[in-house]
């Protein structure tokens, strides 16, 4: 009985550690390749219409962690710049997608 309980606990711990999400990261730069801090980045699940916003840091970097696997489009907005949109792409489970500068 003791071995059964140990196996059950191990299986439960392994199942708990499973991840069903992915992440999107990147860097926002201008035409001169200078970082754009404070840019608003929004990943939109195009199938469900759910938006996941974040803001770039002082080096223009951003990360959207723990996103459900889905098809996403990205929109970037920053003062003094035109709105930029990246067409939809599929984010897989446990994928860490890096989107080239926008």
Protein backbone atom coordinates (compact mmCIF):
# COMPACT_ATOMS: atom_id res chain seq x y z
CA UNK A 1 0.00 0.00 0.00
CA UNK A 2 2.85 2.37 0.83
CA UNK A 3 4.36 1.92 -2.67
CA UNK A 4 0.98 2.61 -4.27
CA UNK A 5 0.68 5.91 -2.37
CA UNK A 6 4.23 6.91 -3.36
CA UNK A 7 3.51 6.19 -7.04
CA UNK A 8 0.22 8.08 -6.85
CA UNK A 9 1.97 11.14 -5.36
CA UNK A 10 4.70 11.00 -8.02
CA UNK A 11 2.17 10.79 -10.86
CA UNK A 12 0.18 13.67 -9.36
CA UNK A 13 3.31 15.82 -9.09
CA UNK A 14 4.27 15.10 -12.70
CA UNK A 15 0.78 15.95 -13.95
CA UNK A 16 0.80 19.20 -11.97
CA UNK A 17 4.08 20.20 -13.66
CA UNK A 18 2.63 19.93 -17.16
CA UNK A 19 2.30 23.23 -19.00
CA UNK A 20 -0.41 23.90 -21.55
CA UNK A 21 0.75 27.41 -22.42
CA UNK A 22 3.40 29.17 -24.49
CA UNK A 23 4.94 32.64 -24.53
CA UNK A 24 5.66 35.44 -26.96
CA UNK A 25 8.62 37.76 -26.56
CA UNK A 26 10.46 40.32 -28.62
CA UNK A 27 11.94 43.79 -28.83
CA UNK A 28 10.28 46.93 -30.15
CA UNK A 29 12.63 49.16 -32.15
CA UNK A 30 12.28 52.14 -34.47
CA UNK A 31 13.62 52.43 -38.04
CA UNK A 32 17.09 53.29 -36.68
CA UNK A 33 16.99 50.11 -34.51
CA UNK A 34 16.74 52.17 -31.31
CA UNK A 35 14.65 50.68 -28.50
CA UNK A 36 11.12 51.97 -28.01
CA UNK A 37 10.35 51.89 -24.27
CA UNK A 38 6.77 52.07 -23.05
CA UNK A 39 5.23 50.69 -26.24
CA UNK A 40 1.91 48.91 -25.73
CA UNK A 41 1.96 45.40 -27.19
CA UNK A 42 -1.27 43.43 -27.47
CA UNK A 43 -1.46 39.77 -28.46
CA UNK A 44 -4.96 38.88 -29.63
CA UNK A 45 -6.26 35.32 -29.78
CA UNK A 46 -7.89 35.66 -33.21
CA UNK A 47 -10.19 32.67 -32.71
CA UNK A 48 -11.68 33.84 -29.39
CA UNK A 49 -11.08 37.61 -29.55
CA UNK A 50 -9.24 37.64 -26.20
CA UNK A 51 -6.54 40.30 -25.79
CA UNK A 52 -3.35 40.00 -23.71
CA UNK A 53 -1.62 43.40 -23.26
CA UNK A 54 1.85 44.27 -21.98
CA UNK A 55 4.29 47.20 -22.17
CA UNK A 56 7.91 47.20 -23.40
CA UNK A 57 10.65 47.91 -20.85
CA UNK A 58 13.39 50.57 -21.08
CA UNK A 59 15.28 48.43 -23.63
CA UNK A 60 12.15 47.87 -25.76
CA UNK A 61 11.80 44.25 -24.62
CA UNK A 62 8.50 42.59 -23.83
CA UNK A 63 7.22 39.17 -22.85
CA UNK A 64 3.74 37.71 -22.77
CA UNK A 65 4.10 34.57 -20.64
CA UNK A 66 1.61 31.76 -20.07
CA UNK A 67 -0.58 32.30 -23.12
CA UNK A 68 -2.94 29.50 -24.12
CA UNK A 69 -1.93 27.76 -27.35
CA UNK A 70 -3.84 29.53 -30.13
CA UNK A 71 -3.50 31.70 -33.21
CA UNK A 72 -2.35 35.23 -32.29
CA UNK A 73 -1.92 38.57 -34.01
CA UNK A 74 0.26 41.27 -32.44
CA UNK A 75 -0.37 45.01 -32.35
CA UNK A 76 2.14 47.62 -31.20
CA UNK A 77 1.28 51.21 -30.32
CA UNK A 78 3.66 53.93 -29.12
CA UNK A 79 3.47 57.72 -28.98
CA UNK A 80 4.94 59.30 -32.11
CA UNK A 81 4.79 56.07 -34.14
CA UNK A 82 2.27 54.52 -36.51
CA UNK A 83 0.39 51.51 -35.17
CA UNK A 84 2.07 48.28 -36.30
CA UNK A 85 0.35 44.91 -36.71
CA UNK A 86 1.85 41.46 -37.17
CA UNK A 87 -0.36 38.97 -38.99
CA UNK A 88 -1.66 35.93 -37.17
CA UNK A 89 0.62 33.02 -36.30
CA UNK A 90 0.08 29.82 -34.34
CA UNK A 91 1.56 29.58 -30.81
CA UNK A 92 2.12 25.97 -29.75
CA UNK A 93 2.09 24.49 -26.23
CA UNK A 94 5.43 25.17 -24.47
CA UNK A 95 6.66 27.27 -27.42
CA UNK A 96 8.65 30.41 -26.63
CA UNK A 97 8.00 32.41 -29.79
CA UNK A 98 10.35 35.30 -30.49
CA UNK A 99 8.83 37.90 -32.80
CA UNK A 100 11.32 39.98 -34.77
CA UNK A 101 11.32 43.70 -34.02
CA UNK A 102 8.25 45.56 -35.15
